[in-house]
Amino acid sequence: MPLTPGASLAVDRSIHALGVPVWLEGSVPDTDASRPDRPLDALLVMQDTGGAIKGAVRGDVYWGYGAEAGSIAGRMRHQGRMTVLLPRAIATRLGPRAQFPVPR
């Protein structure tokens, strides 16, 4: 399946299933490096993996191709909040407010 710029997230496949939606909150570098970061509140889909992405709360947003996308991706090292959206039956089995530990 082709990746969608700004809507596809690479994750650790040993922890997450591909195709699962996730709400991402944080910030993103502006395309102009001299401008401040912008807020990011977006629905993405876990659609890719990456060799350097290890752990439950790690991810890599796919920004697309070209100089603009490369500028964003090259400066994207932000902390944020990732909320995995699951069907009620699965979420119920995991327990109330199941969370993964946040690495320090």
PDB file of N, CA and C in Angstrom:
ATOM      1  N   MET A   1       0.853  -1.170   0.000  1.00  0.00           N
ATOM      2  CA  MET A   1       0.000   0.000   0.000  1.00  0.00           C
ATOM      3  C   MET A   1       0.902   1.239   0.000  1.00  0.00           C
ATOM      4  N   PRO A   2       0.632   2.204  -0.847  1.00  0.00           N
ATOM      5  CA  PRO A   2       1.441   3.423  -0.874  1.00  0.00           C
ATOM      6  C   PRO A   2       1.284   4.221   0.418  1.00  0.00           C
ATOM      7  N   LEU A   3       2.375   4.834   0.844  1.00  0.00           N
ATOM      8  CA  LEU A   3       2.339   5.677   2.032  1.00  0.00           C
ATOM      9  C   LEU A   3       1.772   7.046   1.667  1.00  0.00           C
ATOM     10  N   THR A   4       1.103   7.671   2.634  1.00  0.00           N
ATOM     11  CA  THR A   4       0.494   8.976   2.428  1.00  0.00           C
ATOM     12  C   THR A   4       1.272  10.022   3.218  1.00  0.00           C
ATOM     13  N   PRO A   5       1.834  11.038   2.549  1.00  0.00           N
ATOM     14  CA  PRO A   5       2.587  12.057   3.279  1.00  0.00           C
ATOM     15  C   PRO A   5       1.750  12.702   4.383  1.00  0.00           C
ATOM     16  N   GLY A   6       2.342  12.774   5.586  1.00  0.00           N
ATOM     17  CA  GLY A   6       1.670  13.394   6.721  1.00  0.00           C
ATOM     18  C   GLY A   6       0.587  12.554   7.357  1.00  0.00           C
ATOM     19  N   ALA A   7       0.379  11.327   6.861  1.00  0.00           N
ATOM     20  CA  ALA A   7      -0.680  10.476   7.407  1.00  0.00           C
ATOM     21  C   ALA A   7      -0.229   9.042   7.655  1.00  0.00           C
ATOM     22  N   SER A   8       1.016   8.718   7.313  1.00  0.00           N
ATOM     23  CA  SER A   8       1.543   7.365   7.510  1.00  0.00           C
ATOM     24  C   SER A   8       2.638   7.410   8.574  1.00  0.00           C
ATOM     25  N   LEU A   9       2.605   6.421   9.453  1.00  0.00           N
ATOM     26  CA  LEU A   9       3.563   6.358  10.555  1.00  0.00           C
ATOM     27  C   LEU A   9       4.289   5.028  10.520  1.00  0.00           C
ATOM     28  N   ALA A  10       5.619   5.076  10.629  1.00  0.00           N
ATOM     29  CA  ALA A  10       6.419   3.864  10.759  1.00  0.00           C
ATOM     30  C   ALA A  10       6.570   3.560  12.247  1.00  0.00           C
ATOM     31  N   VAL A  11       6.413   2.287  12.617  1.00  0.00           N
ATOM     32  CA  VAL A  11       6.447   1.876  14.019  1.00  0.00           C
ATOM     33  C   VAL A  11       7.239   0.574  14.161  1.00  0.00           C
ATOM     34  N   ASP A  12       7.438   0.168  15.398  1.00  0.00           N
ATOM     35  CA  ASP A  12       8.098  -1.099  15.709  1.00  0.00           C
ATOM     36  C   ASP A  12       7.070  -2.220  15.529  1.00  0.00           C
ATOM     37  N   ARG A  13       7.261  -3.028  14.520  1.00  0.00           N
ATOM     38  CA  ARG A  13       6.284  -4.077  14.183  1.00  0.00           C
ATOM     39  C   ARG A  13       6.233  -5.185  15.236  1.00  0.00           C
ATOM     40  N   SER A  14       7.250  -5.309  16.073  1.00  0.00           N
ATOM     41  CA  SER A  14       7.200  -6.327  17.126  1.00  0.00           C
ATOM     42  C   SER A  14       6.219  -5.940  18.231  1.00  0.00           C
ATOM     43  N   ILE A  15       5.761  -4.687  18.213  1.00  0.00           N
ATOM     44  CA  ILE A  15       4.824  -4.197  19.225  1.00  0.00           C
ATOM     45  C   ILE A  15       3.485  -3.810  18.619  1.00  0.00           C
ATOM     46  N   HIS A  16       3.511  -3.143  17.472  1.00  0.00           N
ATOM     47  CA  HIS A  16       2.299  -2.607  16.858  1.00  0.00           C
ATOM     48  C   HIS A  16       1.931  -3.361  15.586  1.00  0.00           C
ATOM     49  N   ALA A  17       0.642  -3.459  15.332  1.00  0.00           N
ATOM     50  CA  ALA A  17       0.146  -4.053  14.090  1.00  0.00           C
ATOM     51  C   ALA A  17      -0.003  -2.957  13.041  1.00  0.00           C
ATOM     52  N   LEU A  18       0.358  -3.271  11.817  1.00  0.00           N
ATOM     53  CA  LEU A  18       0.181  -2.306  10.743  1.00  0.00           C
ATOM     54  C   LEU A  18      -1.303  -2.154  10.436  1.00  0.00           C
ATOM     55  N   GLY A  19      -1.689  -0.968   9.989  1.00  0.00           N
ATOM     56  CA  GLY A  19      -3.079  -0.691   9.650  1.00  0.00           C
ATOM     57  C   GLY A  19      -3.887  -0.094  10.781  1.00  0.00           C
ATOM     58  N   VAL A  20      -3.280   0.046  11.952  1.00  0.00           N
ATOM     59  CA  VAL A  20      -3.990   0.574  13.119  1.00  0.00           C
ATOM     60  C   VAL A  20      -3.894   2.104  13.124  1.00  0.00           C
ATOM     61  N   PRO A  21      -5.019   2.793  13.373  1.00  0.00           N
ATOM     62  CA  PRO A  21      -4.978   4.250  13.446  1.00  0.00           C
ATOM     63  C   PRO A  21      -4.384   4.725  14.771  1.00  0.00           C
ATOM     64  N   VAL A  22      -3.769   5.887  14.721  1.00  0.00           N
ATOM     65  CA  VAL A  22      -3.149   6.478  15.903  1.00  0.00           C
ATOM     66  C   VAL A  22      -3.341   7.991  15.848  1.00  0.00           C
ATOM     67  N   TRP A  23      -3.644   8.588  16.998  1.00  0.00           N
ATOM     68  CA  TRP A  23      -3.754  10.041  17.092  1.00  0.00           C
ATOM     69  C   TRP A  23      -2.420  10.538  17.628  1.00  0.00           C
ATOM     70  N   LEU A  24      -1.808  11.478  16.917  1.00  0.00           N
ATOM     71  CA  LEU A  24      -0.495  11.983  17.277  1.00  0.00           C
ATOM     72  C   LEU A  24      -0.591  13.454  17.655  1.00  0.00           C
ATOM     73  N   GLU A  25      -0.058  13.786  18.836  1.00  0.00           N
ATOM     74  CA  GLU A  25      -0.023  15.165  19.315  1.00  0.00           C
ATOM     75  C   GLU A  25       1.427  15.547  19.567  1.00  0.00           C
ATOM     76  N   GLY A  26       1.807  16.691  19.100  1.00  0.00           N
ATOM     77  CA  GLY A  26       3.175  17.152  19.311  1.00  0.00           C
ATOM     78  C   GLY A  26       3.436  18.407  18.521  1.00  0.00           C
ATOM     79  N   SER A  27       4.624  18.484  17.959  1.00  0.00           N
ATOM     80  CA  SER A  27       4.969  19.618  17.112  1.00  0.00           C
ATOM     81  C   SER A  27       5.781  19.116  15.934  1.00  0.00           C
ATOM     82  N   VAL A  28       5.818  19.937  14.903  1.00  0.00           N
ATOM     83  CA  VAL A  28       6.506  19.580  13.666  1.00  0.00           C
ATOM     84  C   VAL A  28       7.283  20.802  13.191  1.00  0.00           C
ATOM     85  N   PRO A  29       8.503  20.598  12.672  1.00  0.00           N
ATOM     86  CA  PRO A  29       9.251  21.733  12.134  1.00  0.00           C
ATOM     87  C   PRO A  29       8.511  22.373  10.967  1.00  0.00           C
ATOM     88  N   ASP A  30       8.591  23.679  10.866  1.00  0.00           N
ATOM     89  CA  ASP A  30       8.036  24.381   9.718  1.00  0.00           C
ATOM     90  C   ASP A  30       8.903  24.067   8.499  1.00  0.00           C
ATOM     91  N   THR A  31       8.336  24.171   7.319  1.00  0.00           N
ATOM     92  CA  THR A  31       9.115  23.925   6.108  1.00  0.00           C
ATOM     93  C   THR A  31      10.246  24.941   5.965  1.00  0.00           C
ATOM     94  N   ASP A  32      10.060  26.119   6.536  1.00  0.00           N
ATOM     95  CA  ASP A  32      11.088  27.152   6.569  1.00  0.00           C
ATOM     96  C   ASP A  32      11.842  27.000   7.895  1.00  0.00           C
ATOM     97  N   ALA A  33      13.100  26.596   7.841  1.00  0.00           N
ATOM     98  CA  ALA A  33      13.877  26.309   9.049  1.00  0.00           C
ATOM     99  C   ALA A  33      14.043  27.521   9.968  1.00  0.00           C
ATOM    100  N   SER A  34      13.829  28.731   9.454  1.00  0.00           N
ATOM    101  CA  SER A  34      13.977  29.920  10.288  1.00  0.00           C
ATOM    102  C   SER A  34      12.709  30.218  11.107  1.00  0.00           C
ATOM    103  N   ARG A  35      11.638  29.503  10.826  1.00  0.00           N
ATOM    104  CA  ARG A  35      10.376  29.733  11.539  1.00  0.00           C
ATOM    105  C   ARG A  35      10.229  28.726  12.681  1.00  0.00           C
ATOM    106  N   PRO A  36       9.412  29.062  13.689  1.00  0.00           N
ATOM    107  CA  PRO A  36       9.227  28.142  14.822  1.00  0.00           C
ATOM    108  C   PRO A  36       8.416  26.899  14.425  1.00  0.00           C
ATOM    109  N   ASP A  37       8.523  25.881  15.261  1.00  0.00           N
ATOM    110  CA  ASP A  37       7.750  24.653  15.050  1.00  0.00           C
ATOM    111  C   ASP A  37       6.262  24.945  15.108  1.00  0.00           C
ATOM    112  N   ARG A  38       5.486  24.084  14.441  1.00  0.00           N
ATOM    113  CA  ARG A  38       4.022  24.212  14.436  1.00  0.00           C
ATOM    114  C   ARG A  38       3.425  23.084  15.271  1.00  0.00           C
ATOM    115  N   PRO A  39       2.248  23.304  15.844  1.00  0.00           N
ATOM    116  CA  PRO A  39       1.573  22.208  16.551  1.00  0.00           C
ATOM    117  C   PRO A  39       1.174  21.111  15.560  1.00  0.00           C
ATOM    118  N   LEU A  40       1.186  19.895  16.042  1.00  0.00           N
ATOM    119  CA  LEU A  40       0.753  18.753  15.236  1.00  0.00           C
ATOM    120  C   LEU A  40      -0.294  17.982  16.020  1.00  0.00           C
ATOM    121  N   ASP A  41      -1.487  17.911  15.516  1.00  0.00           N
ATOM    122  CA  ASP A  41      -2.581  17.107  16.047  1.00  0.00           C
ATOM    123  C   ASP A  41      -3.160  16.408  14.838  1.00  0.00           C
ATOM    124  N   ALA A  42      -2.867  15.105  14.697  1.00  0.00           N
ATOM    125  CA  ALA A  42      -3.230  14.447  13.444  1.00  0.00           C
ATOM    126  C   ALA A  42      -3.557  12.975  13.642  1.00  0.00           C
ATOM    127  N   LEU A  43      -4.451  12.502  12.787  1.00  0.00           N
ATOM    128  CA  LEU A  43      -4.772  11.084  12.722  1.00  0.00           C
ATOM    129  C   LEU A  43      -3.869  10.464  11.657  1.00  0.00           C
ATOM    130  N   LEU A  44      -3.106   9.469  12.061  1.00  0.00           N
ATOM    131  CA  LEU A  44      -2.207   8.765  11.148  1.00  0.00           C
ATOM    132  C   LEU A  44      -2.543   7.286  11.199  1.00  0.00           C
ATOM    133  N   VAL A  45      -1.979   6.530  10.272  1.00  0.00           N
ATOM    134  CA  VAL A  45      -2.152   5.082  10.253  1.00  0.00           C
ATOM    135  C   VAL A  45      -0.774   4.444  10.285  1.00  0.00           C
ATOM    136  N   MET A  46      -0.602   3.446  11.144  1.00  0.00           N
ATOM    137  CA  MET A  46       0.654   2.708  11.210  1.00  0.00           C
ATOM    138  C   MET A  46       0.758   1.864   9.940  1.00  0.00           C
ATOM    139  N   GLN A  47       1.638   2.280   9.025  1.00  0.00           N
ATOM    140  CA  GLN A  47       1.708   1.628   7.722  1.00  0.00           C
ATOM    141  C   GLN A  47       3.101   1.182   7.326  1.00  0.00           C
ATOM    142  N   ASP A  48       4.089   1.408   8.163  1.00  0.00           N
ATOM    143  CA  ASP A  48       5.461   1.141   7.750  1.00  0.00           C
ATOM    144  C   ASP A  48       6.275   0.744   8.972  1.00  0.00           C
ATOM    145  N   THR A  49       7.460   0.227   8.721  1.00  0.00           N
ATOM    146  CA  THR A  49       8.389  -0.119   9.793  1.00  0.00           C
ATOM    147  C   THR A  49       9.714   0.568   9.506  1.00  0.00           C
ATOM    148  N   GLY A  50      10.576   0.572  10.481  1.00  0.00           N
ATOM    149  CA  GLY A  50      11.894   1.148  10.292  1.00  0.00           C
ATOM    150  C   GLY A  50      12.885   0.468  11.211  1.00  0.00           C
ATOM    151  N   GLY A  51      14.066   0.231  10.702  1.00  0.00           N
ATOM    152  CA  GLY A  51      15.087  -0.470  11.479  1.00  0.00           C
ATOM    153  C   GLY A  51      15.501   0.264  12.742  1.00  0.00           C
ATOM    154  N   ALA A  52      15.432   1.590  12.737  1.00  0.00           N
ATOM    155  CA  ALA A  52      15.849   2.368  13.900  1.00  0.00           C
ATOM    156  C   ALA A  52      14.701   2.644  14.864  1.00  0.00           C
ATOM    157  N   ILE A  53      13.501   2.211  14.514  1.00  0.00           N
ATOM    158  CA  ILE A  53      12.339   2.476  15.359  1.00  0.00           C
ATOM    159  C   ILE A  53      12.134   1.278  16.280  1.00  0.00           C
ATOM    160  N   LYS A  54      12.508   1.457  17.537  1.00  0.00           N
ATOM    161  CA  LYS A  54      12.410   0.388  18.525  1.00  0.00           C
ATOM    162  C   LYS A  54      11.652   0.906  19.734  1.00  0.00           C
ATOM    163  N   GLY A  55      10.617   0.182  20.125  1.00  0.00           N
ATOM    164  CA  GLY A  55       9.872   0.547  21.326  1.00  0.00           C
ATOM    165  C   GLY A  55       8.440   0.926  21.032  1.00  0.00           C
ATOM    166  N   ALA A  56       7.651   0.915  22.084  1.00  0.00           N
ATOM    167  CA  ALA A  56       6.210   1.144  21.964  1.00  0.00           C
ATOM    168  C   ALA A  56       5.850   2.582  21.634  1.00  0.00           C
ATOM    169  N   VAL A  57       6.657   3.520  22.079  1.00  0.00           N
ATOM    170  CA  VAL A  57       6.296   4.924  21.887  1.00  0.00           C
ATOM    171  C   VAL A  57       7.274   5.632  20.944  1.00  0.00           C
ATOM    172  N   ARG A  58       7.682   4.922  19.944  1.00  0.00           N
ATOM    173  CA  ARG A  58       8.551   5.490  18.909  1.00  0.00           C
ATOM    174  C   ARG A  58       7.827   5.418  17.579  1.00  0.00           C
ATOM    175  N   GLY A  59       8.027   6.413  16.754  1.00  0.00           N
ATOM    176  CA  GLY A  59       7.409   6.409  15.441  1.00  0.00           C
ATOM    177  C   GLY A  59       8.108   7.394  14.526  1.00  0.00           C
ATOM    178  N   ASP A  60       7.881   7.224  13.246  1.00  0.00           N
ATOM    179  CA  ASP A  60       8.480   8.093  12.247  1.00  0.00           C
ATOM    180  C   ASP A  60       7.403   8.469  11.235  1.00  0.00           C
ATOM    181  N   VAL A  61       7.048   9.747  11.205  1.00  0.00           N
ATOM    182  CA  VAL A  61       6.030  10.233  10.275  1.00  0.00           C
ATOM    183  C   VAL A  61       6.631  10.285   8.875  1.00  0.00           C
ATOM    184  N   TYR A  62       5.885   9.808   7.907  1.00  0.00           N
ATOM    185  CA  TYR A  62       6.302   9.894   6.509  1.00  0.00           C
ATOM    186  C   TYR A  62       5.845  11.242   5.965  1.00  0.00           C
ATOM    187  N   TRP A  63       6.791  12.072   5.548  1.00  0.00           N
ATOM    188  CA  TRP A  63       6.476  13.417   5.062  1.00  0.00           C
ATOM    189  C   TRP A  63       6.452  13.499   3.545  1.00  0.00           C
ATOM    190  N   GLY A  64       6.838  12.447   2.846  1.00  0.00           N
ATOM    191  CA  GLY A  64       6.821  12.467   1.388  1.00  0.00           C
ATOM    192  C   GLY A  64       8.204  12.615   0.806  1.00  0.00           C
ATOM    193  N   TYR A  65       8.262  13.014  -0.466  1.00  0.00           N
ATOM    194  CA  TYR A  65       9.517  13.171  -1.201  1.00  0.00           C
ATOM    195  C   TYR A  65       9.777  14.643  -1.462  1.00  0.00           C
ATOM    196  N   GLY A  66      11.010  14.970  -1.765  1.00  0.00           N
ATOM    197  CA  GLY A  66      11.365  16.318  -2.176  1.00  0.00           C
ATOM    198  C   GLY A  66      12.066  17.098  -1.081  1.00  0.00           C
ATOM    199  N   ALA A  67      12.526  18.291  -1.460  1.00  0.00           N
ATOM    200  CA  ALA A  67      13.298  19.128  -0.547  1.00  0.00           C
ATOM    201  C   ALA A  67      12.490  19.548   0.677  1.00  0.00           C
ATOM    202  N   GLU A  68      11.223  19.906   0.480  1.00  0.00           N
ATOM    203  CA  GLU A  68      10.382  20.349   1.593  1.00  0.00           C
ATOM    204  C   GLU A  68      10.178  19.215   2.599  1.00  0.00           C
ATOM    205  N   ALA A  69       9.837  18.041   2.109  1.00  0.00           N
ATOM    206  CA  ALA A  69       9.641  16.882   2.989  1.00  0.00           C
ATOM    207  C   ALA A  69      10.948  16.524   3.690  1.00  0.00           C
ATOM    208  N   GLY A  70      12.044  16.589   2.960  1.00  0.00           N
ATOM    209  CA  GLY A  70      13.351  16.284   3.548  1.00  0.00           C
ATOM    210  C   GLY A  70      13.736  17.266   4.643  1.00  0.00           C
ATOM    211  N   SER A  71      13.384  18.534   4.454  1.00  0.00           N
ATOM    212  CA  SER A  71      13.668  19.550   5.457  1.00  0.00           C
ATOM    213  C   SER A  71      12.921  19.261   6.756  1.00  0.00           C
ATOM    214  N   ILE A  72      11.667  18.870   6.634  1.00  0.00           N
ATOM    215  CA  ILE A  72      10.869  18.542   7.824  1.00  0.00           C
ATOM    216  C   ILE A  72      11.404  17.279   8.489  1.00  0.00           C
ATOM    217  N   ALA A  73      11.572  16.229   7.703  1.00  0.00           N
ATOM    218  CA  ALA A  73      12.001  14.934   8.252  1.00  0.00           C
ATOM    219  C   ALA A  73      13.375  15.028   8.913  1.00  0.00           C
ATOM    220  N   GLY A  74      14.263  15.804   8.327  1.00  0.00           N
ATOM    221  CA  GLY A  74      15.613  15.927   8.871  1.00  0.00           C
ATOM    222  C   GLY A  74      15.674  16.629  10.207  1.00  0.00           C
ATOM    223  N   ARG A  75      14.673  17.415  10.528  1.00  0.00           N
ATOM    224  CA  ARG A  75      14.649  18.151  11.797  1.00  0.00           C
ATOM    225  C   ARG A  75      13.597  17.621  12.764  1.00  0.00           C
ATOM    226  N   MET A  76      12.933  16.528  12.426  1.00  0.00           N
ATOM    227  CA  MET A  76      11.841  15.987  13.248  1.00  0.00           C
ATOM    228  C   MET A  76      12.393  15.051  14.319  1.00  0.00           C
ATOM    229  N   ARG A  77      12.575  15.582  15.516  1.00  0.00           N
ATOM    230  CA  ARG A  77      13.033  14.787  16.648  1.00  0.00           C
ATOM    231  C   ARG A  77      12.303  15.256  17.896  1.00  0.00           C
ATOM    232  N   HIS A  78      11.002  15.308  17.796  1.00  0.00           N
ATOM    233  CA  HIS A  78      10.190  15.885  18.853  1.00  0.00           C
ATOM    234  C   HIS A  78       9.556  14.816  19.724  1.00  0.00           C
ATOM    235  N   GLN A  79       9.356  15.173  20.966  1.00  0.00           N
ATOM    236  CA  GLN A  79       8.550  14.333  21.836  1.00  0.00           C
ATOM    237  C   GLN A  79       7.098  14.682  21.582  1.00  0.00           C
ATOM    238  N   GLY A  80       6.238  13.729  21.795  1.00  0.00           N
ATOM    239  CA  GLY A  80       4.820  13.968  21.599  1.00  0.00           C
ATOM    240  C   GLY A  80       4.019  12.917  22.337  1.00  0.00           C
ATOM    241  N   ARG A  81       2.773  12.846  21.994  1.00  0.00           N
ATOM    242  CA  ARG A  81       1.877  11.864  22.606  1.00  0.00           C
ATOM    243  C   ARG A  81       1.222  11.067  21.490  1.00  0.00           C
ATOM    244  N   MET A  82       1.266   9.748  21.627  1.00  0.00           N
ATOM    245  CA  MET A  82       0.707   8.850  20.619  1.00  0.00           C
ATOM    246  C   MET A  82      -0.401   8.030  21.279  1.00  0.00           C
ATOM    247  N   THR A  83      -1.617   8.163  20.767  1.00  0.00           N
ATOM    248  CA  THR A  83      -2.750   7.418  21.295  1.00  0.00           C
ATOM    249  C   THR A  83      -3.198   6.421  20.232  1.00  0.00           C
ATOM    250  N   VAL A  84      -3.052   5.141  20.545  1.00  0.00           N
ATOM    251  CA  VAL A  84      -3.446   4.088  19.618  1.00  0.00           C
ATOM    252  C   VAL A  84      -4.950   3.893  19.735  1.00  0.00           C
ATOM    253  N   LEU A  85      -5.638   3.895  18.599  1.00  0.00           N
ATOM    254  CA  LEU A  85      -7.090   3.758  18.569  1.00  0.00           C
ATOM    255  C   LEU A  85      -7.449   2.318  18.219  1.00  0.00           C
ATOM    256  N   LEU A  86      -8.095   1.650  19.161  1.00  0.00           N
ATOM    257  CA  LEU A  86      -8.417   0.233  19.006  1.00  0.00           C
ATOM    258  C   LEU A  86      -9.918  -0.008  19.081  1.00  0.00           C
ATOM    259  N   PRO A  87     -10.387  -1.093  18.479  1.00  0.00           N
ATOM    260  CA  PRO A  87     -11.795  -1.469  18.653  1.00  0.00           C
ATOM    261  C   PRO A  87     -12.080  -1.715  20.143  1.00  0.00           C
ATOM    262  N   ARG A  88     -13.295  -1.430  20.553  1.00  0.00           N
ATOM    263  CA  ARG A  88     -13.680  -1.549  21.964  1.00  0.00           C
ATOM    264  C   ARG A  88     -13.355  -2.927  22.550  1.00  0.00           C
ATOM    265  N   ALA A  89     -13.613  -3.999  21.820  1.00  0.00           N
ATOM    266  CA  ALA A  89     -13.375  -5.351  22.342  1.00  0.00           C
ATOM    267  C   ALA A  89     -11.905  -5.572  22.681  1.00  0.00           C
ATOM    268  N   ILE A  90     -11.016  -5.085  21.846  1.00  0.00           N
ATOM    269  CA  ILE A  90      -9.582  -5.244  22.106  1.00  0.00           C
ATOM    270  C   ILE A  90      -9.159  -4.341  23.256  1.00  0.00           C
ATOM    271  N   ALA A  91      -9.624  -3.101  23.251  1.00  0.00           N
ATOM    272  CA  ALA A  91      -9.277  -2.169  24.327  1.00  0.00           C
ATOM    273  C   ALA A  91      -9.758  -2.697  25.681  1.00  0.00           C
ATOM    274  N   THR A  92     -10.930  -3.327  25.718  1.00  0.00           N
ATOM    275  CA  THR A  92     -11.465  -3.881  26.956  1.00  0.00           C
ATOM    276  C   THR A  92     -10.567  -4.997  27.475  1.00  0.00           C
ATOM    277  N   ARG A  93     -10.075  -5.840  26.572  1.00  0.00           N
ATOM    278  CA  ARG A  93      -9.174  -6.931  26.988  1.00  0.00           C
ATOM    279  C   ARG A  93      -7.861  -6.392  27.544  1.00  0.00           C
ATOM    280  N   LEU A  94      -7.398  -5.256  27.044  1.00  0.00           N
ATOM    281  CA  LEU A  94      -6.142  -4.676  27.519  1.00  0.00           C
ATOM    282  C   LEU A  94      -6.296  -4.008  28.880  1.00  0.00           C
ATOM    283  N   GLY A  95      -7.515  -3.622  29.239  1.00  0.00           N
ATOM    284  CA  GLY A  95      -7.758  -2.992  30.536  1.00  0.00           C
ATOM    285  C   GLY A  95      -7.895  -1.493  30.408  1.00  0.00           C
ATOM    286  N   PRO A  96      -8.419  -0.870  31.458  1.00  0.00           N
ATOM    287  CA  PRO A  96      -8.654   0.574  31.411  1.00  0.00           C
ATOM    288  C   PRO A  96      -7.340   1.350  31.303  1.00  0.00           C
ATOM    289  N   ARG A  97      -7.312   2.241  30.364  1.00  0.00           N
ATOM    290  CA  ARG A  97      -6.182   3.146  30.152  1.00  0.00           C
ATOM    291  C   ARG A  97      -4.841   2.419  30.090  1.00  0.00           C
ATOM    292  N   ALA A  98      -4.823   1.309  29.344  1.00  0.00           N
ATOM    293  CA  ALA A  98      -3.558   0.583  29.169  1.00  0.00           C
ATOM    294  C   ALA A  98      -2.540   1.532  28.558  1.00  0.00           C
ATOM    295  N   GLN A  99      -1.370   1.573  29.157  1.00  0.00           N
ATOM    296  CA  GLN A  99      -0.327   2.484  28.681  1.00  0.00           C
ATOM    297  C   GLN A  99       0.998   1.759  28.601  1.00  0.00           C
ATOM    298  N   PHE A 100       1.829   2.244  27.728  1.00  0.00           N
ATOM    299  CA  PHE A 100       3.196   1.737  27.628  1.00  0.00           C
ATOM    300  C   PHE A 100       4.096   2.685  28.409  1.00  0.00           C
ATOM    301  N   PRO A 101       5.164   2.167  28.990  1.00  0.00           N
ATOM    302  CA  PRO A 101       6.091   3.068  29.700  1.00  0.00           C
ATOM    303  C   PRO A 101       6.771   4.015  28.719  1.00  0.00           C
ATOM    304  N   VAL A 102       7.005   5.224  29.168  1.00  0.00           N
ATOM    305  CA  VAL A 102       7.679   6.221  28.340  1.00  0.00           C
ATOM    306  C   VAL A 102       9.173   6.169  28.643  1.00  0.00           C
ATOM    307  N   PRO A 103      10.017   5.919  27.637  1.00  0.00           N
ATOM    308  CA  PRO A 103      11.462   5.867  27.899  1.00  0.00           C
ATOM    309  C   PRO A 103      12.010   7.236  28.263  1.00  0.00           C
ATOM    310  N   ARG A 104      13.017   7.257  29.060  1.00  0.00           N
ATOM    311  CA  ARG A 104      13.651   8.526  29.495  1.00  0.00           C
ATOM    312  C   ARG A 104      14.970   8.692  28.805  1.00  0.00           C
TER     313      ARG A 104
END
